[in-house]
Amino acid sequence: MKWRNEELSNNEKIRLVFISLSVTIFILFPVFVSIIYLTPLYEKYKIEKAMKEKILAEKKRDERIKEEVKDLDEKFKNLKVMVEKNDNSENPVEIRAEKYYIINSKKFTFATNVIYSDKFIYLKAYEMVKYKISENEWLYFFRGFEIRSKNGLYSTKDYDRYGIHLINGRLFSNHSSHYNDVMICNEKTFEYKKYRNFITTDYTDLASSKEMTLEEIKAAEKIMENLQKSEANTYDSLRSQMKKEEEKKKESGKKDDPDASNIYYYQKNNYRTVFSKEELEKLGEIKEYEYRIRNSGNSYGSSYSNGKSESYSKEEYDEMLRNEGEITDNWEWESGEDNGEISKWEE
């Protein structure tokens, strides 16, 4: 009887083991099947979710880029001072500013809160200085700038005082003159490309950015060297005087006339150096350099009196300024030279 009980006990054990295995298999089999079947579905779900998130992120990015370009376009249109407009069929250019200062319209002007617009970019800067460097060429210097492609793809900005130059419709910045690298950002990939000696080859198109060749670096350095030898430093000194006078006016609490043209001239007297266009017109004439008639070889200057314009020959013009103490008998501006270097930048 004892043996039978022991045998039954073993049968019960086997039975319990069998039941346990059956239950385990019953539980694990669906789980196993679920893993095999659901894992691909879950992976597909994760991929689709990631794709949707990527598409949404790209959509938000494109909307951001579009809004930033639109914002620059609106700011450009709201600037009321037309500094320059060029209807070049290949790359039309328009420059607007909040304020435009004219020291010598044929050699040196500057503007504040500027936006440069052409076929490829918007260039926003807190100051633009424009230098005459040869008979037919101007050098533009933008300080504290932000550049964005009109298609939104590329951008760069630098609020350092060294800024960026533009000549013959092309942007450049050489490290030896400015000590700063130019970082071009691809707004779609957020990848940056650094240029030590930066230049664009297709006008201002940031997509055409590249490192300068050795020849281009030498040409850039020669331009800057000739600029330093010219009257640029003298004009920069006058620019500083005008800016200081404007800052004092701002500190005094005097507000600008909202209906004023915001065009100012350098006209030195015992008290001031900055006169608005309207102030000079009220005085009865605009002398100095600023209303010279460009298309006449014999006409050197002009004045406005009672709404009428009168032109002067160089001799008459110099005599007028000499009588008013503006120039002396040995007065002469030294002009910069090209020396063939600038022509290397032309297409």
C-alpha atoms as a PDB file:
ATOM      1  CA  MET A   1       0.000   0.000   0.000  1.00  0.00           C
ATOM      2  CA  LYS A   2       2.871   2.294   0.706  1.00  0.00           C
ATOM      3  CA  TRP A   3       4.318   1.644  -2.765  1.00  0.00           C
ATOM      4  CA  ARG A   4       1.029   2.492  -4.516  1.00  0.00           C
ATOM      5  CA  ASN A   5       0.835   5.772  -2.650  1.00  0.00           C
ATOM      6  CA  GLU A   6       4.340   6.578  -3.693  1.00  0.00           C
ATOM      7  CA  GLU A   7       3.503   5.708  -7.294  1.00  0.00           C
ATOM      8  CA  LEU A   8       0.412   7.853  -7.234  1.00  0.00           C
ATOM      9  CA  SER A   9       2.436  10.600  -5.800  1.00  0.00           C
ATOM     10  CA  ASN A  10       4.825  10.386  -8.758  1.00  0.00           C
ATOM     11  CA  ASN A  11       1.941  10.368 -11.225  1.00  0.00           C
ATOM     12  CA  GLU A  12       0.550  13.447  -9.610  1.00  0.00           C
ATOM     13  CA  LYS A  13       3.936  15.090  -9.925  1.00  0.00           C
ATOM     14  CA  ILE A  14       4.119  14.235 -13.618  1.00  0.00           C
ATOM     15  CA  ARG A  15       0.609  15.463 -14.049  1.00  0.00           C
ATOM     16  CA  LEU A  16       1.388  18.708 -12.314  1.00  0.00           C
ATOM     17  CA  VAL A  17       4.508  19.158 -14.428  1.00  0.00           C
ATOM     18  CA  PHE A  18       2.507  18.510 -17.599  1.00  0.00           C
ATOM     19  CA  ILE A  19      -0.171  20.970 -16.533  1.00  0.00           C
ATOM     20  CA  SER A  20       2.472  23.566 -15.733  1.00  0.00           C
ATOM     21  CA  LEU A  21       4.157  23.111 -19.103  1.00  0.00           C
ATOM     22  CA  SER A  22       0.830  23.340 -20.890  1.00  0.00           C
ATOM     23  CA  VAL A  23      -0.081  26.529 -19.086  1.00  0.00           C
ATOM     24  CA  THR A  24       3.357  27.997 -19.814  1.00  0.00           C
ATOM     25  CA  ILE A  25       3.126  27.097 -23.483  1.00  0.00           C
ATOM     26  CA  PHE A  26      -0.413  28.434 -23.598  1.00  0.00           C
ATOM     27  CA  ILE A  27       0.785  31.729 -22.167  1.00  0.00           C
ATOM     28  CA  LEU A  28       4.063  32.040 -24.071  1.00  0.00           C
ATOM     29  CA  PHE A  29       2.819  30.945 -27.472  1.00  0.00           C
ATOM     30  CA  PRO A  30       0.579  33.982 -28.046  1.00  0.00           C
ATOM     31  CA  VAL A  31       3.314  36.222 -26.707  1.00  0.00           C
ATOM     32  CA  PHE A  32       5.800  34.631 -29.090  1.00  0.00           C
ATOM     33  CA  VAL A  33       3.383  34.923 -31.990  1.00  0.00           C
ATOM     34  CA  SER A  34       2.621  38.495 -31.012  1.00  0.00           C
ATOM     35  CA  ILE A  35       6.315  39.365 -30.945  1.00  0.00           C
ATOM     36  CA  ILE A  36       6.872  37.853 -34.372  1.00  0.00           C
ATOM     37  CA  TYR A  37       3.792  39.520 -35.832  1.00  0.00           C
ATOM     38  CA  LEU A  38       3.674  42.824 -33.974  1.00  0.00           C
ATOM     39  CA  THR A  39       7.382  43.732 -33.974  1.00  0.00           C
ATOM     40  CA  PRO A  40       7.437  44.575 -37.714  1.00  0.00           C
ATOM     41  CA  LEU A  41       4.218  46.537 -37.268  1.00  0.00           C
ATOM     42  CA  TYR A  42       5.716  48.459 -34.372  1.00  0.00           C
ATOM     43  CA  GLU A  43       8.898  49.139 -36.331  1.00  0.00           C
ATOM     44  CA  LYS A  44       6.776  50.364 -39.232  1.00  0.00           C
ATOM     45  CA  TYR A  45       4.824  52.570 -36.847  1.00  0.00           C
ATOM     46  CA  LYS A  46       8.062  54.054 -35.461  1.00  0.00           C
ATOM     47  CA  ILE A  47       9.340  54.749 -38.976  1.00  0.00           C
ATOM     48  CA  GLU A  48       6.064  56.368 -40.018  1.00  0.00           C
ATOM     49  CA  LYS A  49       6.014  58.441 -36.828  1.00  0.00           C
ATOM     50  CA  ALA A  50       9.598  59.588 -37.405  1.00  0.00           C
ATOM     51  CA  MET A  51       8.749  60.469 -41.013  1.00  0.00           C
ATOM     52  CA  LYS A  52       5.704  62.453 -39.911  1.00  0.00           C
ATOM     53  CA  GLU A  53       7.791  64.275 -37.290  1.00  0.00           C
ATOM     54  CA  LYS A  54      10.462  64.989 -39.914  1.00  0.00           C
ATOM     55  CA  ILE A  55       7.886  66.286 -42.390  1.00  0.00           C
ATOM     56  CA  LEU A  56       6.324  68.453 -39.659  1.00  0.00           C
ATOM     57  CA  ALA A  57       9.768  69.760 -38.641  1.00  0.00           C
ATOM     58  CA  GLU A  58      10.606  70.512 -42.288  1.00  0.00           C
ATOM     59  CA  LYS A  59       7.270  72.249 -42.709  1.00  0.00           C
ATOM     60  CA  LYS A  60       7.901  74.390 -39.611  1.00  0.00           C
ATOM     61  CA  ARG A  61      11.447  75.098 -40.837  1.00  0.00           C
ATOM     62  CA  ASP A  62      10.193  76.129 -44.285  1.00  0.00           C
ATOM     63  CA  GLU A  63       7.541  78.344 -42.690  1.00  0.00           C
ATOM     64  CA  ARG A  64      10.195  79.921 -40.448  1.00  0.00           C
ATOM     65  CA  ILE A  65      12.488  80.563 -43.423  1.00  0.00           C
ATOM     66  CA  LYS A  66       9.606  81.975 -45.443  1.00  0.00           C
ATOM     67  CA  GLU A  67       8.597  84.274 -42.567  1.00  0.00           C
ATOM     68  CA  GLU A  68      12.171  85.486 -42.048  1.00  0.00           C
ATOM     69  CA  VAL A  69      12.522  86.338 -45.759  1.00  0.00           C
ATOM     70  CA  LYS A  70       9.092  87.980 -45.692  1.00  0.00           C
ATOM     71  CA  ASP A  71      10.085  89.964 -42.592  1.00  0.00           C
ATOM     72  CA  LEU A  72      13.203  91.289 -44.345  1.00  0.00           C
ATOM     73  CA  ASP A  73      11.130  92.143 -47.419  1.00  0.00           C
ATOM     74  CA  GLU A  74       8.660  94.136 -45.310  1.00  0.00           C
ATOM     75  CA  LYS A  75      11.458  95.926 -43.447  1.00  0.00           C
ATOM     76  CA  PHE A  76      13.066  96.772 -46.795  1.00  0.00           C
ATOM     77  CA  LYS A  77       9.827  98.212 -48.183  1.00  0.00           C
ATOM     78  CA  ASN A  78       9.279 100.283 -45.021  1.00  0.00           C
ATOM     79  CA  LEU A  79      12.634 102.059 -45.363  1.00  0.00           C
ATOM     80  CA  LYS A  80      11.814 105.364 -47.003  1.00  0.00           C
ATOM     81  CA  VAL A  81      15.264 106.615 -48.057  1.00  0.00           C
ATOM     82  CA  MET A  82      16.334 105.400 -51.495  1.00  0.00           C
ATOM     83  CA  VAL A  83      20.136 105.291 -51.382  1.00  0.00           C
ATOM     84  CA  GLU A  84      20.730 103.651 -54.721  1.00  0.00           C
ATOM     85  CA  LYS A  85      18.907 101.816 -57.499  1.00  0.00           C
ATOM     86  CA  ASN A  86      20.440  99.944 -60.407  1.00  0.00           C
ATOM     87  CA  ASP A  87      18.243  98.268 -63.017  1.00  0.00           C
ATOM     88  CA  ASN A  88      20.932  95.864 -64.230  1.00  0.00           C
ATOM     89  CA  SER A  89      19.094  93.187 -66.218  1.00  0.00           C
ATOM     90  CA  GLU A  90      21.295  90.402 -64.797  1.00  0.00           C
ATOM     91  CA  ASN A  91      21.140  91.510 -61.188  1.00  0.00           C
ATOM     92  CA  PRO A  92      19.003  94.580 -60.341  1.00  0.00           C
ATOM     93  CA  VAL A  93      20.082  96.275 -57.108  1.00  0.00           C
ATOM     94  CA  GLU A  94      18.254  98.541 -54.697  1.00  0.00           C
ATOM     95  CA  ILE A  95      19.586  99.952 -51.428  1.00  0.00           C
ATOM     96  CA  ARG A  96      17.355 101.611 -48.845  1.00  0.00           C
ATOM     97  CA  ALA A  97      18.143 103.067 -45.458  1.00  0.00           C
ATOM     98  CA  GLU A  98      16.663 104.820 -42.458  1.00  0.00           C
ATOM     99  CA  LYS A  99      19.116 107.719 -42.815  1.00  0.00           C
ATOM    100  CA  TYR A 100      21.501 108.665 -45.622  1.00  0.00           C
ATOM    101  CA  TYR A 101      24.511 110.957 -45.095  1.00  0.00           C
ATOM    102  CA  ILE A 102      26.292 112.627 -48.013  1.00  0.00           C
ATOM    103  CA  ILE A 103      29.786 114.032 -47.543  1.00  0.00           C
ATOM    104  CA  ASN A 104      30.771 113.953 -51.195  1.00  0.00           C
ATOM    105  CA  SER A 105      28.293 112.326 -53.548  1.00  0.00           C
ATOM    106  CA  LYS A 106      31.055 111.575 -56.040  1.00  0.00           C
ATOM    107  CA  LYS A 107      33.442 110.009 -53.538  1.00  0.00           C
ATOM    108  CA  PHE A 108      31.983 109.117 -50.151  1.00  0.00           C
ATOM    109  CA  THR A 109      28.569 108.557 -48.562  1.00  0.00           C
ATOM    110  CA  PHE A 110      27.251 106.451 -45.712  1.00  0.00           C
ATOM    111  CA  ALA A 111      23.900 105.281 -44.385  1.00  0.00           C
ATOM    112  CA  THR A 112      22.485 103.752 -41.204  1.00  0.00           C
ATOM    113  CA  ASN A 113      20.015 100.892 -40.755  1.00  0.00           C
ATOM    114  CA  VAL A 114      20.487  99.735 -44.323  1.00  0.00           C
ATOM    115  CA  ILE A 115      19.009  96.905 -46.380  1.00  0.00           C
ATOM    116  CA  TYR A 116      20.632  95.933 -49.678  1.00  0.00           C
ATOM    117  CA  SER A 117      18.422  93.969 -52.070  1.00  0.00           C
ATOM    118  CA  ASP A 118      19.250  92.265 -55.344  1.00  0.00           C
ATOM    119  CA  LYS A 119      18.228  89.148 -57.271  1.00  0.00           C
ATOM    120  CA  PHE A 120      19.842  86.791 -54.760  1.00  0.00           C
ATOM    121  CA  ILE A 121      19.911  88.247 -51.240  1.00  0.00           C
ATOM    122  CA  TYR A 122      18.754  90.669 -48.603  1.00  0.00           C
ATOM    123  CA  LEU A 123      21.687  92.196 -46.722  1.00  0.00           C
ATOM    124  CA  LYS A 124      20.715  94.039 -43.542  1.00  0.00           C
ATOM    125  CA  ALA A 125      23.354  96.157 -41.773  1.00  0.00           C
ATOM    126  CA  TYR A 126      23.390  98.831 -39.108  1.00  0.00           C
ATOM    127  CA  GLU A 127      25.785 100.875 -41.260  1.00  0.00           C
ATOM    128  CA  MET A 128      26.920 101.014 -44.884  1.00  0.00           C
ATOM    129  CA  VAL A 129      29.890 103.077 -46.085  1.00  0.00           C
ATOM    130  CA  LYS A 130      30.358 103.715 -49.793  1.00  0.00           C
ATOM    131  CA  TYR A 131      33.826 104.621 -51.142  1.00  0.00           C
ATOM    132  CA  LYS A 132      34.800 105.656 -54.673  1.00  0.00           C
ATOM    133  CA  ILE A 133      37.915 103.616 -55.496  1.00  0.00           C
ATOM    134  CA  SER A 134      38.335 104.236 -59.234  1.00  0.00           C
ATOM    135  CA  GLU A 135      36.676 106.130 -62.048  1.00  0.00           C
ATOM    136  CA  ASN A 136      33.861 103.604 -62.468  1.00  0.00           C
ATOM    137  CA  GLU A 137      33.974 101.547 -59.272  1.00  0.00           C
ATOM    138  CA  TRP A 138      32.616 101.862 -55.757  1.00  0.00           C
ATOM    139  CA  LEU A 139      33.512  99.783 -52.725  1.00  0.00           C
ATOM    140  CA  TYR A 140      30.661  99.100 -50.277  1.00  0.00           C
ATOM    141  CA  PHE A 141      31.336  98.199 -46.663  1.00  0.00           C
ATOM    142  CA  PHE A 142      28.541  96.748 -44.507  1.00  0.00           C
ATOM    143  CA  ARG A 143      29.124  96.756 -40.753  1.00  0.00           C
ATOM    144  CA  GLY A 144      27.061  94.599 -38.388  1.00  0.00           C
ATOM    145  CA  PHE A 145      25.380  92.572 -41.104  1.00  0.00           C
ATOM    146  CA  GLU A 146      22.891  89.779 -41.648  1.00  0.00           C
ATOM    147  CA  ILE A 147      22.560  88.178 -45.090  1.00  0.00           C
ATOM    148  CA  ARG A 148      19.805  85.831 -46.207  1.00  0.00           C
ATOM    149  CA  SER A 149      19.210  84.246 -49.591  1.00  0.00           C
ATOM    150  CA  LYS A 150      15.865  85.202 -51.066  1.00  0.00           C
ATOM    151  CA  ASN A 151      15.149  81.507 -51.581  1.00  0.00           C
ATOM    152  CA  GLY A 152      15.818  81.064 -47.866  1.00  0.00           C
ATOM    153  CA  LEU A 153      18.443  78.364 -48.318  1.00  0.00           C
ATOM    154  CA  TYR A 154      21.579  80.147 -47.080  1.00  0.00           C
ATOM    155  CA  SER A 155      22.341  82.759 -44.467  1.00  0.00           C
ATOM    156  CA  THR A 156      25.230  84.379 -42.640  1.00  0.00           C
ATOM    157  CA  LYS A 157      25.567  87.109 -40.058  1.00  0.00           C
ATOM    158  CA  ASP A 158      28.281  88.863 -38.134  1.00  0.00           C
ATOM    159  CA  TYR A 159      27.762  91.797 -35.797  1.00  0.00           C
ATOM    160  CA  ASP A 160      31.507  92.373 -35.465  1.00  0.00           C
ATOM    161  CA  ARG A 161      32.786  95.817 -36.431  1.00  0.00           C
ATOM    162  CA  TYR A 162      34.872  94.451 -39.332  1.00  0.00           C
ATOM    163  CA  GLY A 163      31.866  93.640 -41.537  1.00  0.00           C
ATOM    164  CA  ILE A 164      31.853  92.563 -45.182  1.00  0.00           C
ATOM    165  CA  HIS A 165      32.658  94.251 -48.509  1.00  0.00           C
ATOM    166  CA  LEU A 166      30.950  94.343 -51.879  1.00  0.00           C
ATOM    167  CA  ILE A 167      32.652  95.271 -55.166  1.00  0.00           C
ATOM    168  CA  ASN A 168      31.523  94.768 -58.773  1.00  0.00           C
ATOM    169  CA  GLY A 169      28.396  93.088 -57.418  1.00  0.00           C
ATOM    170  CA  ARG A 170      30.355  90.431 -55.488  1.00  0.00           C
ATOM    171  CA  LEU A 171      30.736  89.934 -51.742  1.00  0.00           C
ATOM    172  CA  PHE A 172      34.149  89.396 -50.186  1.00  0.00           C
ATOM    173  CA  SER A 173      35.922  89.384 -46.856  1.00  0.00           C
ATOM    174  CA  ASN A 174      39.650  88.722 -46.605  1.00  0.00           C
ATOM    175  CA  HIS A 175      41.002  87.610 -43.268  1.00  0.00           C
ATOM    176  CA  SER A 176      44.090  89.833 -43.344  1.00  0.00           C
ATOM    177  CA  SER A 177      41.862  92.948 -43.352  1.00  0.00           C
ATOM    178  CA  HIS A 178      39.022  91.805 -41.128  1.00  0.00           C
ATOM    179  CA  TYR A 179      40.410  89.021 -38.901  1.00  0.00           C
ATOM    180  CA  ASN A 180      37.075  87.216 -38.936  1.00  0.00           C
ATOM    181  CA  ASP A 181      35.858  84.099 -40.730  1.00  0.00           C
ATOM    182  CA  VAL A 182      32.597  84.011 -42.658  1.00  0.00           C
ATOM    183  CA  MET A 183      30.228  81.198 -41.655  1.00  0.00           C
ATOM    184  CA  ILE A 184      27.629  80.218 -44.277  1.00  0.00           C
ATOM    185  CA  CYS A 185      24.682  78.280 -42.880  1.00  0.00           C
ATOM    186  CA  ASN A 186      22.552  75.891 -44.911  1.00  0.00           C
ATOM    187  CA  GLU A 187      19.151  76.610 -43.359  1.00  0.00           C
ATOM    188  CA  LYS A 188      17.717  73.221 -44.402  1.00  0.00           C
ATOM    189  CA  THR A 189      20.470  71.058 -42.919  1.00  0.00           C
ATOM    190  CA  PHE A 190      21.814  73.507 -40.307  1.00  0.00           C
ATOM    191  CA  GLU A 191      25.305  72.719 -41.555  1.00  0.00           C
ATOM    192  CA  TYR A 192      27.903  75.491 -41.467  1.00  0.00           C
ATOM    193  CA  LYS A 193      30.788  76.063 -43.836  1.00  0.00           C
ATOM    194  CA  LYS A 194      33.621  78.324 -42.730  1.00  0.00           C
ATOM    195  CA  TYR A 195      35.567  80.569 -45.109  1.00  0.00           C
ATOM    196  CA  ARG A 196      38.774  82.267 -44.029  1.00  0.00           C
ATOM    197  CA  ASN A 197      39.019  84.382 -47.194  1.00  0.00           C
ATOM    198  CA  PHE A 198      35.469  84.562 -48.511  1.00  0.00           C
ATOM    199  CA  ILE A 199      34.182  85.593 -51.934  1.00  0.00           C
ATOM    200  CA  THR A 200      31.105  84.914 -54.092  1.00  0.00           C
ATOM    201  CA  THR A 201      31.552  84.128 -57.773  1.00  0.00           C
ATOM    202  CA  ASP A 202      27.992  84.617 -59.065  1.00  0.00           C
ATOM    203  CA  TYR A 203      27.217  88.151 -57.920  1.00  0.00           C
ATOM    204  CA  THR A 204      26.038  87.899 -54.278  1.00  0.00           C
ATOM    205  CA  ASP A 205      24.606  84.370 -54.502  1.00  0.00           C
ATOM    206  CA  LEU A 206      25.713  82.645 -51.285  1.00  0.00           C
ATOM    207  CA  ALA A 207      25.467  79.301 -53.105  1.00  0.00           C
ATOM    208  CA  SER A 208      28.530  80.426 -55.110  1.00  0.00           C
ATOM    209  CA  SER A 209      30.638  81.084 -51.990  1.00  0.00           C
ATOM    210  CA  LYS A 210      34.231  79.908 -52.088  1.00  0.00           C
ATOM    211  CA  GLU A 211      37.708  80.498 -50.691  1.00  0.00           C
ATOM    212  CA  MET A 212      39.664  83.203 -52.492  1.00  0.00           C
ATOM    213  CA  THR A 213      42.506  82.182 -54.712  1.00  0.00           C
ATOM    214  CA  LEU A 214      45.947  83.603 -53.932  1.00  0.00           C
ATOM    215  CA  GLU A 215      45.512  86.074 -56.795  1.00  0.00           C
ATOM    216  CA  GLU A 216      42.128  87.215 -55.428  1.00  0.00           C
ATOM    217  CA  ILE A 217      43.593  87.639 -51.930  1.00  0.00           C
ATOM    218  CA  LYS A 218      46.377  89.828 -53.318  1.00  0.00           C
ATOM    219  CA  ALA A 219      43.845  91.874 -55.322  1.00  0.00           C
ATOM    220  CA  ALA A 220      41.697  92.387 -52.201  1.00  0.00           C
ATOM    221  CA  GLU A 221      44.704  93.430 -50.154  1.00  0.00           C
ATOM    222  CA  LYS A 222      45.764  95.854 -52.893  1.00  0.00           C
ATOM    223  CA  ILE A 223      42.297  97.439 -52.933  1.00  0.00           C
ATOM    224  CA  MET A 224      42.388  97.946 -49.176  1.00  0.00           C
ATOM    225  CA  GLU A 225      45.949  99.287 -49.373  1.00  0.00           C
ATOM    226  CA  ASN A 226      44.985 101.821 -52.063  1.00  0.00           C
ATOM    227  CA  LEU A 227      41.927 102.776 -50.043  1.00  0.00           C
ATOM    228  CA  GLN A 228      44.095 103.623 -47.049  1.00  0.00           C
ATOM    229  CA  LYS A 229      46.319 105.775 -49.256  1.00  0.00           C
ATOM    230  CA  SER A 230      43.351 107.703 -50.634  1.00  0.00           C
ATOM    231  CA  GLU A 231      41.232 110.361 -48.922  1.00  0.00           C
ATOM    232  CA  ALA A 232      39.110 107.623 -47.320  1.00  0.00           C
ATOM    233  CA  ASN A 233      40.587 108.292 -43.870  1.00  0.00           C
ATOM    234  CA  THR A 234      39.725 111.982 -44.178  1.00  0.00           C
ATOM    235  CA  TYR A 235      36.157 111.136 -45.115  1.00  0.00           C
ATOM    236  CA  ASP A 236      35.928 108.578 -42.308  1.00  0.00           C
ATOM    237  CA  SER A 237      36.944 111.330 -39.891  1.00  0.00           C
ATOM    238  CA  LEU A 238      34.139 113.541 -41.215  1.00  0.00           C
ATOM    239  CA  ARG A 239      31.748 110.612 -40.919  1.00  0.00           C
ATOM    240  CA  SER A 240      32.699 110.263 -37.247  1.00  0.00           C
ATOM    241  CA  GLN A 241      32.013 113.981 -36.716  1.00  0.00           C
ATOM    242  CA  MET A 242      28.571 113.665 -38.272  1.00  0.00           C
ATOM    243  CA  LYS A 243      27.719 110.578 -36.218  1.00  0.00           C
ATOM    244  CA  LYS A 244      28.811 112.255 -32.990  1.00  0.00           C
ATOM    245  CA  GLU A 245      26.669 115.267 -33.786  1.00  0.00           C
ATOM    246  CA  GLU A 246      23.692 112.994 -34.468  1.00  0.00           C
ATOM    247  CA  GLU A 247      24.286 111.157 -31.181  1.00  0.00           C
ATOM    248  CA  LYS A 248      24.334 114.462 -29.276  1.00  0.00           C
ATOM    249  CA  LYS A 249      21.073 115.444 -30.933  1.00  0.00           C
ATOM    250  CA  LYS A 250      19.554 112.139 -29.872  1.00  0.00           C
ATOM    251  CA  GLU A 251      20.837 112.552 -26.297  1.00  0.00           C
ATOM    252  CA  SER A 252      19.307 116.011 -26.136  1.00  0.00           C
ATOM    253  CA  GLY A 253      15.903 114.442 -26.748  1.00  0.00           C
ATOM    254  CA  LYS A 254      15.332 116.222 -30.046  1.00  0.00           C
ATOM    255  CA  LYS A 255      13.188 114.039 -32.285  1.00  0.00           C
ATOM    256  CA  ASP A 256      13.429 113.726 -36.041  1.00  0.00           C
ATOM    257  CA  ASP A 257      10.687 115.183 -38.179  1.00  0.00           C
ATOM    258  CA  PRO A 258       8.610 112.181 -39.353  1.00  0.00           C
ATOM    259  CA  ASP A 259       7.983 113.947 -42.664  1.00  0.00           C
ATOM    260  CA  ALA A 260      11.657 114.735 -43.276  1.00  0.00           C
ATOM    261  CA  SER A 261      13.550 113.117 -46.125  1.00  0.00           C
ATOM    262  CA  ASN A 262      16.185 111.726 -43.705  1.00  0.00           C
ATOM    263  CA  ILE A 263      18.912 112.764 -46.134  1.00  0.00           C
ATOM    264  CA  TYR A 264      21.740 114.720 -44.524  1.00  0.00           C
ATOM    265  CA  TYR A 265      24.719 116.671 -45.858  1.00  0.00           C
ATOM    266  CA  TYR A 266      28.117 117.563 -44.494  1.00  0.00           C
ATOM    267  CA  GLN A 267      28.225 121.377 -44.383  1.00  0.00           C
ATOM    268  CA  LYS A 268      30.682 122.622 -41.813  1.00  0.00           C
ATOM    269  CA  ASN A 269      30.183 125.951 -40.041  1.00  0.00           C
ATOM    270  CA  ASN A 270      31.054 127.269 -36.589  1.00  0.00           C
ATOM    271  CA  TYR A 271      28.279 125.331 -34.908  1.00  0.00           C
ATOM    272  CA  ARG A 272      27.320 122.259 -36.910  1.00  0.00           C
ATOM    273  CA  THR A 273      28.424 119.808 -39.546  1.00  0.00           C
ATOM    274  CA  VAL A 274      25.120 118.010 -40.263  1.00  0.00           C
ATOM    275  CA  PHE A 275      22.339 119.681 -42.216  1.00  0.00           C
ATOM    276  CA  SER A 276      19.211 118.012 -43.514  1.00  0.00           C
ATOM    277  CA  LYS A 277      18.180 118.419 -47.107  1.00  0.00           C
ATOM    278  CA  GLU A 278      15.192 120.490 -45.982  1.00  0.00           C
ATOM    279  CA  GLU A 279      17.372 122.838 -43.904  1.00  0.00           C
ATOM    280  CA  LEU A 280      19.665 123.535 -46.834  1.00  0.00           C
ATOM    281  CA  GLU A 281      16.713 124.146 -49.126  1.00  0.00           C
ATOM    282  CA  LYS A 282      15.337 126.665 -46.623  1.00  0.00           C
ATOM    283  CA  LEU A 283      18.661 128.492 -46.747  1.00  0.00           C
ATOM    284  CA  GLY A 284      17.983 129.128 -50.433  1.00  0.00           C
ATOM    285  CA  GLU A 285      20.605 126.907 -52.018  1.00  0.00           C
ATOM    286  CA  ILE A 286      22.378 123.568 -51.765  1.00  0.00           C
ATOM    287  CA  LYS A 287      26.059 124.073 -52.416  1.00  0.00           C
ATOM    288  CA  GLU A 288      29.126 121.815 -51.986  1.00  0.00           C
ATOM    289  CA  TYR A 289      29.254 118.598 -53.957  1.00  0.00           C
ATOM    290  CA  GLU A 290      25.830 117.047 -53.765  1.00  0.00           C
ATOM    291  CA  TYR A 291      23.775 118.335 -56.697  1.00  0.00           C
ATOM    292  CA  ARG A 292      26.416 118.272 -59.402  1.00  0.00           C
ATOM    293  CA  ILE A 293      24.968 117.403 -62.766  1.00  0.00           C
ATOM    294  CA  ARG A 294      26.648 114.137 -63.689  1.00  0.00           C
ATOM    295  CA  ASN A 295      25.898 114.064 -67.410  1.00  0.00           C
ATOM    296  CA  SER A 296      27.579 117.384 -68.209  1.00  0.00           C
ATOM    297  CA  GLY A 297      31.358 117.604 -68.559  1.00  0.00           C
ATOM    298  CA  ASN A 298      31.338 121.392 -68.077  1.00  0.00           C
ATOM    299  CA  SER A 299      28.942 121.391 -65.135  1.00  0.00           C
ATOM    300  CA  TYR A 300      30.662 120.980 -61.780  1.00  0.00           C
ATOM    301  CA  GLY A 301      28.078 122.041 -59.217  1.00  0.00           C
ATOM    302  CA  SER A 302      24.612 123.425 -58.798  1.00  0.00           C
ATOM    303  CA  SER A 303      22.428 125.359 -56.420  1.00  0.00           C
ATOM    304  CA  TYR A 304      18.724 125.445 -55.742  1.00  0.00           C
ATOM    305  CA  SER A 305      17.091 128.815 -55.257  1.00  0.00           C
ATOM    306  CA  ASN A 306      13.379 129.570 -55.337  1.00  0.00           C
ATOM    307  CA  GLY A 307      12.718 126.160 -56.798  1.00  0.00           C
ATOM    308  CA  LYS A 308      15.110 126.701 -59.722  1.00  0.00           C
ATOM    309  CA  SER A 309      18.346 124.863 -60.413  1.00  0.00           C
ATOM    310  CA  GLU A 310      21.469 126.665 -61.597  1.00  0.00           C
ATOM    311  CA  SER A 311      24.639 124.938 -62.820  1.00  0.00           C
ATOM    312  CA  TYR A 312      28.226 126.102 -62.364  1.00  0.00           C
ATOM    313  CA  SER A 313      31.427 125.437 -64.231  1.00  0.00           C
ATOM    314  CA  LYS A 314      34.340 124.099 -62.167  1.00  0.00           C
ATOM    315  CA  GLU A 315      35.941 127.552 -62.049  1.00  0.00           C
ATOM    316  CA  GLU A 316      32.694 129.250 -60.990  1.00  0.00           C
ATOM    317  CA  TYR A 317      32.011 126.550 -58.459  1.00  0.00           C
ATOM    318  CA  ASP A 318      35.478 126.746 -56.897  1.00  0.00           C
ATOM    319  CA  GLU A 319      35.263 130.527 -56.782  1.00  0.00           C
ATOM    320  CA  MET A 320      31.914 130.318 -54.992  1.00  0.00           C
ATOM    321  CA  LEU A 321      33.313 127.950 -52.345  1.00  0.00           C
ATOM    322  CA  ARG A 322      36.492 130.019 -51.993  1.00  0.00           C
ATOM    323  CA  ASN A 323      34.471 133.179 -51.354  1.00  0.00           C
ATOM    324  CA  GLU A 324      32.504 131.351 -48.672  1.00  0.00           C
ATOM    325  CA  GLY A 325      35.670 130.037 -47.018  1.00  0.00           C
ATOM    326  CA  GLU A 326      34.923 126.404 -47.863  1.00  0.00           C
ATOM    327  CA  ILE A 327      38.181 125.841 -49.771  1.00  0.00           C
ATOM    328  CA  THR A 328      41.581 127.535 -50.073  1.00  0.00           C
ATOM    329  CA  ASP A 329      43.767 128.197 -53.091  1.00  0.00           C
ATOM    330  CA  ASN A 330      45.763 125.011 -52.502  1.00  0.00           C
ATOM    331  CA  TRP A 331      42.705 122.846 -51.876  1.00  0.00           C
ATOM    332  CA  GLU A 332      42.750 119.541 -53.728  1.00  0.00           C
ATOM    333  CA  TRP A 333      41.434 116.064 -53.004  1.00  0.00           C
ATOM    334  CA  GLU A 334      43.910 113.312 -53.706  1.00  0.00           C
ATOM    335  CA  SER A 335      42.301 110.524 -55.713  1.00  0.00           C
ATOM    336  CA  GLY A 336      42.983 106.818 -55.260  1.00  0.00           C
ATOM    337  CA  GLU A 337      44.512 104.715 -58.009  1.00  0.00           C
ATOM    338  CA  ASP A 338      43.384 101.435 -59.524  1.00  0.00           C
ATOM    339  CA  ASN A 339      46.814 100.198 -60.690  1.00  0.00           C
ATOM    340  CA  GLY A 340      45.072  97.429 -62.605  1.00  0.00           C
ATOM    341  CA  GLU A 341      44.277  95.435 -59.461  1.00  0.00           C
ATOM    342  CA  ILE A 342      40.543  96.075 -59.367  1.00  0.00           C
ATOM    343  CA  SER A 343      40.073  94.853 -62.933  1.00  0.00           C
ATOM    344  CA  LYS A 344      40.980  91.375 -61.705  1.00  0.00           C
ATOM    345  CA  TRP A 345      37.645  91.248 -59.906  1.00  0.00           C
ATOM    346  CA  GLU A 346      35.609  91.830 -63.039  1.00  0.00           C
ATOM    347  CA  GLU A 347      33.890  88.937 -64.730  1.00  0.00           C
END
